Amino acid sequence: MGQIEERKMKNGQENPFNFMESCDTAALCRVLEQEDPLMISLLLGSLSLHKAAAVLQELPESLWLPVIEDLAQGN
């Protein structure tokens, strides 16, 4: 597994969701699919593009559109 790049939040503080980068994608999806699409988009927005895409792809298709719409609106 490659080294995970630390990401900083806009205010310069460490992203509190960095641990999710190393989480198993399937396990993360099992937890997230119980959440509101707005919460999912918030969490996906804090991940690397690669990890966010992998998580989104494994979520149920019924969540894709609402999550993507929330991401696009910047929510």
PDB file of N, CA and C in Angstrom:
ATOM      1  N   MET A   1       0.851  -1.177   0.000  1.00  0.00           N
ATOM      2  CA  MET A   1       0.000   0.000   0.000  1.00  0.00           C
ATOM      3  C   MET A   1       0.890   1.230   0.000  1.00  0.00           C
ATOM      4  N   GLY A   2       0.544   2.187  -0.836  1.00  0.00           N
ATOM      5  CA  GLY A   2       1.331   3.411  -0.925  1.00  0.00           C
ATOM      6  C   GLY A   2       1.120   4.305   0.282  1.00  0.00           C
ATOM      7  N   GLN A   3       2.034   5.217   0.443  1.00  0.00           N
ATOM      8  CA  GLN A   3       1.932   6.150   1.564  1.00  0.00           C
ATOM      9  C   GLN A   3       0.797   7.135   1.294  1.00  0.00           C
ATOM     10  N   ILE A   4      -0.005   7.380   2.330  1.00  0.00           N
ATOM     11  CA  ILE A   4      -1.151   8.282   2.195  1.00  0.00           C
ATOM     12  C   ILE A   4      -0.692   9.710   2.393  1.00  0.00           C
ATOM     13  N   GLU A   5      -1.024  10.537   1.418  1.00  0.00           N
ATOM     14  CA  GLU A   5      -0.672  11.955   1.504  1.00  0.00           C
ATOM     15  C   GLU A   5      -1.594  12.641   2.492  1.00  0.00           C
ATOM     16  N   GLU A   6      -1.008  13.364   3.441  1.00  0.00           N
ATOM     17  CA  GLU A   6      -1.832  14.103   4.393  1.00  0.00           C
ATOM     18  C   GLU A   6      -2.453  15.290   3.685  1.00  0.00           C
ATOM     19  N   ARG A   7      -3.723  15.497   3.943  1.00  0.00           N
ATOM     20  CA  ARG A   7      -4.431  16.616   3.336  1.00  0.00           C
ATOM     21  C   ARG A   7      -4.763  17.609   4.423  1.00  0.00           C
ATOM     22  N   LYS A   8      -4.643  18.862   4.083  1.00  0.00           N
ATOM     23  CA  LYS A   8      -4.954  19.927   5.026  1.00  0.00           C
ATOM     24  C   LYS A   8      -6.288  20.549   4.652  1.00  0.00           C
ATOM     25  N   MET A   9      -6.991  20.988   5.669  1.00  0.00           N
ATOM     26  CA  MET A   9      -8.244  21.685   5.445  1.00  0.00           C
ATOM     27  C   MET A   9      -7.920  23.121   5.047  1.00  0.00           C
ATOM     28  N   LYS A  10      -8.913  23.854   4.593  1.00  0.00           N
ATOM     29  CA  LYS A  10      -8.708  25.224   4.138  1.00  0.00           C
ATOM     30  C   LYS A  10      -8.100  26.116   5.210  1.00  0.00           C
ATOM     31  N   ASN A  11      -8.390  25.838   6.477  1.00  0.00           N
ATOM     32  CA  ASN A  11      -7.861  26.673   7.546  1.00  0.00           C
ATOM     33  C   ASN A  11      -6.472  26.222   7.987  1.00  0.00           C
ATOM     34  N   GLY A  12      -5.883  25.252   7.278  1.00  0.00           N
ATOM     35  CA  GLY A  12      -4.529  24.809   7.567  1.00  0.00           C
ATOM     36  C   GLY A  12      -4.439  23.680   8.576  1.00  0.00           C
ATOM     37  N   GLN A  13      -5.558  23.293   9.178  1.00  0.00           N
ATOM     38  CA  GLN A  13      -5.537  22.211  10.148  1.00  0.00           C
ATOM     39  C   GLN A  13      -5.620  20.865   9.437  1.00  0.00           C
ATOM     40  N   GLU A  14      -5.160  19.835  10.124  1.00  0.00           N
ATOM     41  CA  GLU A  14      -5.213  18.497   9.554  1.00  0.00           C
ATOM     42  C   GLU A  14      -6.666  18.055   9.398  1.00  0.00           C
ATOM     43  N   ASN A  15      -6.951  17.381   8.317  1.00  0.00           N
ATOM     44  CA  ASN A  15      -8.288  16.865   8.039  1.00  0.00           C
ATOM     45  C   ASN A  15      -8.607  15.749   9.028  1.00  0.00           C
ATOM     46  N   PRO A  16      -9.675  15.870   9.815  1.00  0.00           N
ATOM     47  CA  PRO A  16      -9.989  14.831  10.798  1.00  0.00           C
ATOM     48  C   PRO A  16     -10.471  13.526  10.165  1.00  0.00           C
ATOM     49  N   PHE A  17     -10.716  13.529   8.865  1.00  0.00           N
ATOM     50  CA  PHE A  17     -11.189  12.336   8.183  1.00  0.00           C
ATOM     51  C   PHE A  17     -10.078  11.596   7.436  1.00  0.00           C
ATOM     52  N   ASN A  18      -8.824  11.972   7.650  1.00  0.00           N
ATOM     53  CA  ASN A  18      -7.703  11.320   6.967  1.00  0.00           C
ATOM     54  C   ASN A  18      -7.694   9.815   7.172  1.00  0.00           C
ATOM     55  N   PHE A  19      -8.148   9.350   8.326  1.00  0.00           N
ATOM     56  CA  PHE A  19      -8.133   7.912   8.618  1.00  0.00           C
ATOM     57  C   PHE A  19      -8.960   7.113   7.616  1.00  0.00           C
ATOM     58  N   MET A  20      -9.958   7.759   6.986  1.00  0.00           N
ATOM     59  CA  MET A  20     -10.829   7.043   6.054  1.00  0.00           C
ATOM     60  C   MET A  20     -10.096   6.648   4.772  1.00  0.00           C
ATOM     61  N   GLU A  21      -8.996   7.316   4.476  1.00  0.00           N
ATOM     62  CA  GLU A  21      -8.218   6.961   3.282  1.00  0.00           C
ATOM     63  C   GLU A  21      -7.710   5.526   3.359  1.00  0.00           C
ATOM     64  N   SER A  22      -7.408   5.059   4.562  1.00  0.00           N
ATOM     65  CA  SER A  22      -6.862   3.710   4.705  1.00  0.00           C
ATOM     66  C   SER A  22      -7.924   2.680   5.092  1.00  0.00           C
ATOM     67  N   CYS A  23      -9.172   3.114   5.243  1.00  0.00           N
ATOM     68  CA  CYS A  23     -10.250   2.179   5.573  1.00  0.00           C
ATOM     69  C   CYS A  23     -10.585   1.312   4.364  1.00  0.00           C
ATOM     70  N   ASP A  24     -11.026   0.106   4.645  1.00  0.00           N
ATOM     71  CA  ASP A  24     -11.498  -0.777   3.594  1.00  0.00           C
ATOM     72  C   ASP A  24     -12.714  -0.134   2.922  1.00  0.00           C
ATOM     73  N   THR A  25     -12.681  -0.025   1.614  1.00  0.00           N
ATOM     74  CA  THR A  25     -13.738   0.664   0.876  1.00  0.00           C
ATOM     75  C   THR A  25     -15.103   0.014   1.085  1.00  0.00           C
ATOM     76  N   ALA A  26     -15.165  -1.298   1.035  1.00  0.00           N
ATOM     77  CA  ALA A  26     -16.448  -1.995   1.208  1.00  0.00           C
ATOM     78  C   ALA A  26     -17.011  -1.756   2.612  1.00  0.00           C
ATOM     79  N   ALA A  27     -16.149  -1.803   3.623  1.00  0.00           N
ATOM     80  CA  ALA A  27     -16.602  -1.562   4.996  1.00  0.00           C
ATOM     81  C   ALA A  27     -17.084  -0.128   5.159  1.00  0.00           C
ATOM     82  N   LEU A  28     -16.371   0.806   4.563  1.00  0.00           N
ATOM     83  CA  LEU A  28     -16.754   2.218   4.627  1.00  0.00           C
ATOM     84  C   LEU A  28     -18.120   2.421   3.959  1.00  0.00           C
ATOM     85  N   CYS A  29     -18.354   1.759   2.854  1.00  0.00           N
ATOM     86  CA  CYS A  29     -19.636   1.867   2.153  1.00  0.00           C
ATOM     87  C   CYS A  29     -20.781   1.303   2.979  1.00  0.00           C
ATOM     88  N   ARG A  30     -20.535   0.205   3.695  1.00  0.00           N
ATOM     89  CA  ARG A  30     -21.591  -0.373   4.531  1.00  0.00           C
ATOM     90  C   ARG A  30     -22.038   0.614   5.608  1.00  0.00           C
ATOM     91  N   VAL A  31     -21.101   1.402   6.109  1.00  0.00           N
ATOM     92  CA  VAL A  31     -21.446   2.405   7.118  1.00  0.00           C
ATOM     93  C   VAL A  31     -22.134   3.597   6.458  1.00  0.00           C
ATOM     94  N   LEU A  32     -21.551   4.092   5.361  1.00  0.00           N
ATOM     95  CA  LEU A  32     -22.065   5.301   4.728  1.00  0.00           C
ATOM     96  C   LEU A  32     -23.437   5.123   4.098  1.00  0.00           C
ATOM     97  N   GLU A  33     -23.753   3.927   3.627  1.00  0.00           N
ATOM     98  CA  GLU A  33     -25.049   3.756   2.954  1.00  0.00           C
ATOM     99  C   GLU A  33     -26.221   3.945   3.912  1.00  0.00           C
ATOM    100  N   GLN A  34     -25.954   3.969   5.205  1.00  0.00           N
ATOM    101  CA  GLN A  34     -26.993   4.221   6.206  1.00  0.00           C
ATOM    102  C   GLN A  34     -27.175   5.716   6.472  1.00  0.00           C
ATOM    103  N   GLU A  35     -26.282   6.531   5.910  1.00  0.00           N
ATOM    104  CA  GLU A  35     -26.286   7.974   6.167  1.00  0.00           C
ATOM    105  C   GLU A  35     -27.093   8.729   5.111  1.00  0.00           C
ATOM    106  N   ASP A  36     -27.434   9.947   5.436  1.00  0.00           N
ATOM    107  CA  ASP A  36     -28.099  10.858   4.511  1.00  0.00           C
ATOM    108  C   ASP A  36     -27.137  11.215   3.374  1.00  0.00           C
ATOM    109  N   PRO A  37     -27.626  11.360   2.142  1.00  0.00           N
ATOM    110  CA  PRO A  37     -26.745  11.721   1.030  1.00  0.00           C
ATOM    111  C   PRO A  37     -25.904  12.987   1.282  1.00  0.00           C
ATOM    112  N   LEU A  38     -26.464  13.939   2.010  1.00  0.00           N
ATOM    113  CA  LEU A  38     -25.710  15.157   2.316  1.00  0.00           C
ATOM    114  C   LEU A  38     -24.490  14.835   3.176  1.00  0.00           C
ATOM    115  N   MET A  39     -24.638  13.953   4.148  1.00  0.00           N
ATOM    116  CA  MET A  39     -23.513  13.551   4.992  1.00  0.00           C
ATOM    117  C   MET A  39     -22.480  12.781   4.176  1.00  0.00           C
ATOM    118  N   ILE A  40     -22.961  11.923   3.294  1.00  0.00           N
ATOM    119  CA  ILE A  40     -22.044  11.155   2.440  1.00  0.00           C
ATOM    120  C   ILE A  40     -21.228  12.102   1.573  1.00  0.00           C
ATOM    121  N   SER A  41     -21.881  13.106   0.986  1.00  0.00           N
ATOM    122  CA  SER A  41     -21.152  14.045   0.120  1.00  0.00           C
ATOM    123  C   SER A  41     -20.138  14.847   0.919  1.00  0.00           C
ATOM    124  N   LEU A  42     -20.476  15.202   2.141  1.00  0.00           N
ATOM    125  CA  LEU A  42     -19.531  15.915   2.997  1.00  0.00           C
ATOM    126  C   LEU A  42     -18.279  15.074   3.233  1.00  0.00           C
ATOM    127  N   LEU A  43     -18.486  13.801   3.563  1.00  0.00           N
ATOM    128  CA  LEU A  43     -17.355  12.919   3.822  1.00  0.00           C
ATOM    129  C   LEU A  43     -16.559  12.627   2.552  1.00  0.00           C
ATOM    130  N   LEU A  44     -17.236  12.395   1.435  1.00  0.00           N
ATOM    131  CA  LEU A  44     -16.532  12.139   0.179  1.00  0.00           C
ATOM    132  C   LEU A  44     -15.697  13.338  -0.243  1.00  0.00           C
ATOM    133  N   GLY A  45     -16.203  14.523   0.033  1.00  0.00           N
ATOM    134  CA  GLY A  45     -15.466  15.737  -0.318  1.00  0.00           C
ATOM    135  C   GLY A  45     -14.174  15.906   0.457  1.00  0.00           C
ATOM    136  N   SER A  46     -14.027  15.176   1.547  1.00  0.00           N
ATOM    137  CA  SER A  46     -12.801  15.277   2.340  1.00  0.00           C
ATOM    138  C   SER A  46     -11.789  14.196   1.959  1.00  0.00           C
ATOM    139  N   LEU A  47     -12.174  13.290   1.056  1.00  0.00           N
ATOM    140  CA  LEU A  47     -11.290  12.202   0.638  1.00  0.00           C
ATOM    141  C   LEU A  47     -10.536  12.571  -0.636  1.00  0.00           C
ATOM    142  N   SER A  48      -9.490  11.815  -0.931  1.00  0.00           N
ATOM    143  CA  SER A  48      -8.800  11.974  -2.212  1.00  0.00           C
ATOM    144  C   SER A  48      -9.793  11.609  -3.311  1.00  0.00           C
ATOM    145  N   LEU A  49      -9.568  12.118  -4.506  1.00  0.00           N
ATOM    146  CA  LEU A  49     -10.479  11.820  -5.618  1.00  0.00           C
ATOM    147  C   LEU A  49     -10.554  10.326  -5.889  1.00  0.00           C
ATOM    148  N   HIS A  50      -9.420   9.657  -5.808  1.00  0.00           N
ATOM    149  CA  HIS A  50      -9.376   8.212  -6.071  1.00  0.00           C
ATOM    150  C   HIS A  50     -10.232   7.449  -5.064  1.00  0.00           C
ATOM    151  N   LYS A  51     -10.077   7.755  -3.780  1.00  0.00           N
ATOM    152  CA  LYS A  51     -10.833   7.056  -2.741  1.00  0.00           C
ATOM    153  C   LYS A  51     -12.320   7.409  -2.823  1.00  0.00           C
ATOM    154  N   ALA A  52     -12.629   8.688  -3.048  1.00  0.00           N
ATOM    155  CA  ALA A  52     -14.019   9.116  -3.148  1.00  0.00           C
ATOM    156  C   ALA A  52     -14.723   8.405  -4.307  1.00  0.00           C
ATOM    157  N   ALA A  53     -14.039   8.280  -5.439  1.00  0.00           N
ATOM    158  CA  ALA A  53     -14.626   7.598  -6.598  1.00  0.00           C
ATOM    159  C   ALA A  53     -14.858   6.121  -6.300  1.00  0.00           C
ATOM    160  N   ALA A  54     -13.918   5.489  -5.612  1.00  0.00           N
ATOM    161  CA  ALA A  54     -14.053   4.076  -5.268  1.00  0.00           C
ATOM    162  C   ALA A  54     -15.235   3.865  -4.327  1.00  0.00           C
ATOM    163  N   VAL A  55     -15.383   4.755  -3.350  1.00  0.00           N
ATOM    164  CA  VAL A  55     -16.493   4.647  -2.401  1.00  0.00           C
ATOM    165  C   VAL A  55     -17.819   4.878  -3.126  1.00  0.00           C
ATOM    166  N   LEU A  56     -17.896   5.923  -3.920  1.00  0.00           N
ATOM    167  CA  LEU A  56     -19.138   6.236  -4.634  1.00  0.00           C
ATOM    168  C   LEU A  56     -19.558   5.073  -5.525  1.00  0.00           C
ATOM    169  N   GLN A  57     -18.594   4.459  -6.190  1.00  0.00           N
ATOM    170  CA  GLN A  57     -18.899   3.350  -7.093  1.00  0.00           C
ATOM    171  C   GLN A  57     -19.478   2.154  -6.342  1.00  0.00           C
ATOM    172  N   GLU A  58     -19.082   1.959  -5.100  1.00  0.00           N
ATOM    173  CA  GLU A  58     -19.577   0.812  -4.324  1.00  0.00           C
ATOM    174  C   GLU A  58     -20.875   1.099  -3.567  1.00  0.00           C
ATOM    175  N   LEU A  59     -21.272   2.366  -3.494  1.00  0.00           N
ATOM    176  CA  LEU A  59     -22.535   2.696  -2.841  1.00  0.00           C
ATOM    177  C   LEU A  59     -23.695   2.229  -3.723  1.00  0.00           C
ATOM    178  N   PRO A  60     -24.860   1.995  -3.140  1.00  0.00           N
ATOM    179  CA  PRO A  60     -26.022   1.630  -3.963  1.00  0.00           C
ATOM    180  C   PRO A  60     -26.308   2.715  -5.008  1.00  0.00           C
ATOM    181  N   GLU A  61     -26.690   2.292  -6.190  1.00  0.00           N
ATOM    182  CA  GLU A  61     -26.940   3.235  -7.284  1.00  0.00           C
ATOM    183  C   GLU A  61     -27.986   4.276  -6.927  1.00  0.00           C
ATOM    184  N   SER A  62     -28.895   3.937  -6.041  1.00  0.00           N
ATOM    185  CA  SER A  62     -29.947   4.885  -5.658  1.00  0.00           C
ATOM    186  C   SER A  62     -29.381   6.099  -4.924  1.00  0.00           C
ATOM    187  N   LEU A  63     -28.159   6.000  -4.404  1.00  0.00           N
ATOM    188  CA  LEU A  63     -27.526   7.117  -3.700  1.00  0.00           C
ATOM    189  C   LEU A  63     -26.656   7.976  -4.613  1.00  0.00           C
ATOM    190  N   TRP A  64     -26.283   7.455  -5.766  1.00  0.00           N
ATOM    191  CA  TRP A  64     -25.335   8.166  -6.628  1.00  0.00           C
ATOM    192  C   TRP A  64     -25.791   9.581  -6.972  1.00  0.00           C
ATOM    193  N   LEU A  65     -26.990   9.710  -7.524  1.00  0.00           N
ATOM    194  CA  LEU A  65     -27.463  11.023  -7.974  1.00  0.00           C
ATOM    195  C   LEU A  65     -27.571  12.027  -6.832  1.00  0.00           C
ATOM    196  N   PRO A  66     -28.220  11.686  -5.706  1.00  0.00           N
ATOM    197  CA  PRO A  66     -28.309  12.676  -4.624  1.00  0.00           C
ATOM    198  C   PRO A  66     -26.937  13.081  -4.081  1.00  0.00           C
ATOM    199  N   VAL A  67     -26.024  12.131  -3.981  1.00  0.00           N
ATOM    200  CA  VAL A  67     -24.687  12.440  -3.458  1.00  0.00           C
ATOM    201  C   VAL A  67     -23.937  13.331  -4.445  1.00  0.00           C
ATOM    202  N   ILE A  68     -23.991  13.008  -5.722  1.00  0.00           N
ATOM    203  CA  ILE A  68     -23.299  13.808  -6.732  1.00  0.00           C
ATOM    204  C   ILE A  68     -23.886  15.204  -6.818  1.00  0.00           C
ATOM    205  N   GLU A  69     -25.208  15.325  -6.714  1.00  0.00           N
ATOM    206  CA  GLU A  69     -25.833  16.647  -6.726  1.00  0.00           C
ATOM    207  C   GLU A  69     -25.353  17.490  -5.535  1.00  0.00           C
ATOM    208  N   ASP A  70     -25.278  16.879  -4.354  1.00  0.00           N
ATOM    209  CA  ASP A  70     -24.794  17.599  -3.181  1.00  0.00           C
ATOM    210  C   ASP A  70     -23.333  18.003  -3.340  1.00  0.00           C
ATOM    211  N   LEU A  71     -22.526  17.122  -3.917  1.00  0.00           N
ATOM    212  CA  LEU A  71     -21.120  17.457  -4.160  1.00  0.00           C
ATOM    213  C   LEU A  71     -21.001  18.626  -5.139  1.00  0.00           C
ATOM    214  N   ALA A  72     -21.816  18.587  -6.188  1.00  0.00           N
ATOM    215  CA  ALA A  72     -21.769  19.630  -7.210  1.00  0.00           C
ATOM    216  C   ALA A  72     -22.200  20.995  -6.647  1.00  0.00           C
ATOM    217  N   GLN A  73     -23.123  20.976  -5.691  1.00  0.00           N
ATOM    218  CA  GLN A  73     -23.600  22.220  -5.085  1.00  0.00           C
ATOM    219  C   GLN A  73     -22.657  22.725  -4.000  1.00  0.00           C
ATOM    220  N   GLY A  74     -21.645  21.905  -3.685  1.00  0.00           N
ATOM    221  CA  GLY A  74     -20.686  22.333  -2.666  1.00  0.00           C
ATOM    222  C   GLY A  74     -21.177  22.164  -1.260  1.00  0.00           C
ATOM    223  N   ASN A  75     -22.199  21.338  -1.074  1.00  0.00           N
ATOM    224  CA  ASN A  75     -22.735  21.088   0.274  1.00  0.00           C
ATOM    225  C   ASN A  75     -21.843  20.161   1.039  1.00  0.00           C
TER     226      ASN A  75
END
